[in-house]
């Protein structure tokens, strides 16, 4: 009887540790999804992109900004 109890307790402990790790990964993904990028020279009047890259106007590297900007465009559609 003791062996069965120990096995059940170990099973639940291992299950709990795996499920708690999954929630941490989801929080990181949410945080990364809020990242937007803008040209440091503001060539396009505050336009921002969802992926890093270069500004299509001045070719400077886009800088990371906080989310909440008004004009967000998917940067993957541009050919660089």
C-alpha atoms as a PDB file:
ATOM      1  CA  UNK A   1       0.000   0.000   0.000  1.00  0.00           C
ATOM      2  CA  UNK A   2       2.866   2.378   0.801  1.00  0.00           C
ATOM      3  CA  UNK A   3       4.419   1.825  -2.631  1.00  0.00           C
ATOM      4  CA  UNK A   4       1.182   2.716  -4.422  1.00  0.00           C
ATOM      5  CA  UNK A   5       0.785   5.905  -2.353  1.00  0.00           C
ATOM      6  CA  UNK A   6       4.378   6.953  -3.070  1.00  0.00           C
ATOM      7  CA  UNK A   7       3.945   6.298  -6.799  1.00  0.00           C
ATOM      8  CA  UNK A   8       0.719   8.330  -6.917  1.00  0.00           C
ATOM      9  CA  UNK A   9       2.319  11.244  -5.038  1.00  0.00           C
ATOM     10  CA  UNK A  10       5.347  11.209  -7.371  1.00  0.00           C
ATOM     11  CA  UNK A  11       3.083  11.108 -10.420  1.00  0.00           C
ATOM     12  CA  UNK A  12       1.153  14.181  -9.279  1.00  0.00           C
ATOM     13  CA  UNK A  13       4.360  16.033  -8.347  1.00  0.00           C
ATOM     14  CA  UNK A  14       5.868  15.424 -11.795  1.00  0.00           C
ATOM     15  CA  UNK A  15       2.594  16.360 -13.519  1.00  0.00           C
ATOM     16  CA  UNK A  16       2.350  19.586 -11.544  1.00  0.00           C
ATOM     17  CA  UNK A  17       5.923  20.592 -12.372  1.00  0.00           C
ATOM     18  CA  UNK A  18       5.350  20.117 -16.117  1.00  0.00           C
ATOM     19  CA  UNK A  19       2.098  22.096 -16.170  1.00  0.00           C
ATOM     20  CA  UNK A  20       3.624  24.983 -14.230  1.00  0.00           C
ATOM     21  CA  UNK A  21       6.444  25.263 -16.796  1.00  0.00           C
ATOM     22  CA  UNK A  22       3.975  25.607 -19.673  1.00  0.00           C
ATOM     23  CA  UNK A  23       2.297  28.687 -18.199  1.00  0.00           C
ATOM     24  CA  UNK A  24       5.657  30.494 -17.925  1.00  0.00           C
ATOM     25  CA  UNK A  25       6.323  29.974 -21.626  1.00  0.00           C
ATOM     26  CA  UNK A  26       2.928  31.424 -22.566  1.00  0.00           C
ATOM     27  CA  UNK A  27       3.628  34.595 -20.616  1.00  0.00           C
ATOM     28  CA  UNK A  28       6.904  35.109 -22.483  1.00  0.00           C
ATOM     29  CA  UNK A  29       5.175  34.671 -25.846  1.00  0.00           C
ATOM     30  CA  UNK A  30       2.536  37.266 -24.932  1.00  0.00           C
ATOM     31  CA  UNK A  31       5.257  39.717 -23.963  1.00  0.00           C
ATOM     32  CA  UNK A  32       7.106  39.211 -27.228  1.00  0.00           C
ATOM     33  CA  UNK A  33       3.942  39.692 -29.274  1.00  0.00           C
ATOM     34  CA  UNK A  34       3.557  43.255 -27.983  1.00  0.00           C
ATOM     35  CA  UNK A  35       6.926  44.328 -29.429  1.00  0.00           C
ATOM     36  CA  UNK A  36       6.782  46.761 -32.360  1.00  0.00           C
ATOM     37  CA  UNK A  37       9.551  48.431 -34.359  1.00  0.00           C
ATOM     38  CA  UNK A  38       9.846  51.972 -35.761  1.00  0.00           C
ATOM     39  CA  UNK A  39      12.339  53.963 -37.777  1.00  0.00           C
ATOM     40  CA  UNK A  40      14.491  56.158 -35.491  1.00  0.00           C
ATOM     41  CA  UNK A  41      14.274  58.966 -38.087  1.00  0.00           C
ATOM     42  CA  UNK A  42      10.438  58.754 -38.140  1.00  0.00           C
ATOM     43  CA  UNK A  43      10.417  58.727 -41.957  1.00  0.00           C
ATOM     44  CA  UNK A  44       6.878  57.361 -42.083  1.00  0.00           C
ATOM     45  CA  UNK A  45       5.272  59.559 -39.411  1.00  0.00           C
ATOM     46  CA  UNK A  46       5.065  57.029 -36.575  1.00  0.00           C
ATOM     47  CA  UNK A  47       4.403  53.942 -38.675  1.00  0.00           C
ATOM     48  CA  UNK A  48       5.483  50.767 -36.883  1.00  0.00           C
ATOM     49  CA  UNK A  49       6.155  47.150 -37.837  1.00  0.00           C
ATOM     50  CA  UNK A  50       5.688  43.804 -36.089  1.00  0.00           C
ATOM     51  CA  UNK A  51       9.128  42.444 -37.047  1.00  0.00           C
ATOM     52  CA  UNK A  52      12.636  43.921 -36.913  1.00  0.00           C
ATOM     53  CA  UNK A  53      14.295  44.953 -40.150  1.00  0.00           C
ATOM     54  CA  UNK A  54      15.213  48.079 -42.080  1.00  0.00           C
ATOM     55  CA  UNK A  55      13.174  51.177 -42.855  1.00  0.00           C
ATOM     56  CA  UNK A  56      11.905  51.023 -46.449  1.00  0.00           C
ATOM     57  CA  UNK A  57      12.518  54.790 -46.840  1.00  0.00           C
ATOM     58  CA  UNK A  58      15.946  55.536 -45.294  1.00  0.00           C
ATOM     59  CA  UNK A  59      17.214  51.922 -44.883  1.00  0.00           C
ATOM     60  CA  UNK A  60      18.119  52.422 -41.191  1.00  0.00           C
ATOM     61  CA  UNK A  61      17.589  49.582 -38.706  1.00  0.00           C
ATOM     62  CA  UNK A  62      14.173  49.726 -37.048  1.00  0.00           C
ATOM     63  CA  UNK A  63      14.274  50.282 -33.276  1.00  0.00           C
ATOM     64  CA  UNK A  64      12.111  48.406 -30.756  1.00  0.00           C
ATOM     65  CA  UNK A  65       9.222  50.383 -29.240  1.00  0.00           C
ATOM     66  CA  UNK A  66       6.447  49.493 -26.823  1.00  0.00           C
ATOM     67  CA  UNK A  67       3.138  48.312 -28.263  1.00  0.00           C
ATOM     68  CA  UNK A  68       0.185  50.660 -28.457  1.00  0.00           C
ATOM     69  CA  UNK A  69       1.315  52.611 -31.499  1.00  0.00           C
ATOM     70  CA  UNK A  70      -1.442  53.474 -33.938  1.00  0.00           C
ATOM     71  CA  UNK A  71      -0.095  52.411 -37.328  1.00  0.00           C
ATOM     72  CA  UNK A  72       1.194  48.818 -37.214  1.00  0.00           C
ATOM     73  CA  UNK A  73       2.115  47.062 -40.460  1.00  0.00           C
ATOM     74  CA  UNK A  74       3.468  43.554 -40.969  1.00  0.00           C
ATOM     75  CA  UNK A  75       7.115  44.061 -41.983  1.00  0.00           C
ATOM     76  CA  UNK A  76       7.325  40.670 -43.730  1.00  0.00           C
ATOM     77  CA  UNK A  77       5.436  42.024 -46.768  1.00  0.00           C
ATOM     78  CA  UNK A  78       8.311  44.336 -47.735  1.00  0.00           C
ATOM     79  CA  UNK A  79      11.082  43.055 -49.993  1.00  0.00           C
ATOM     80  CA  UNK A  80      14.504  43.833 -48.511  1.00  0.00           C
END
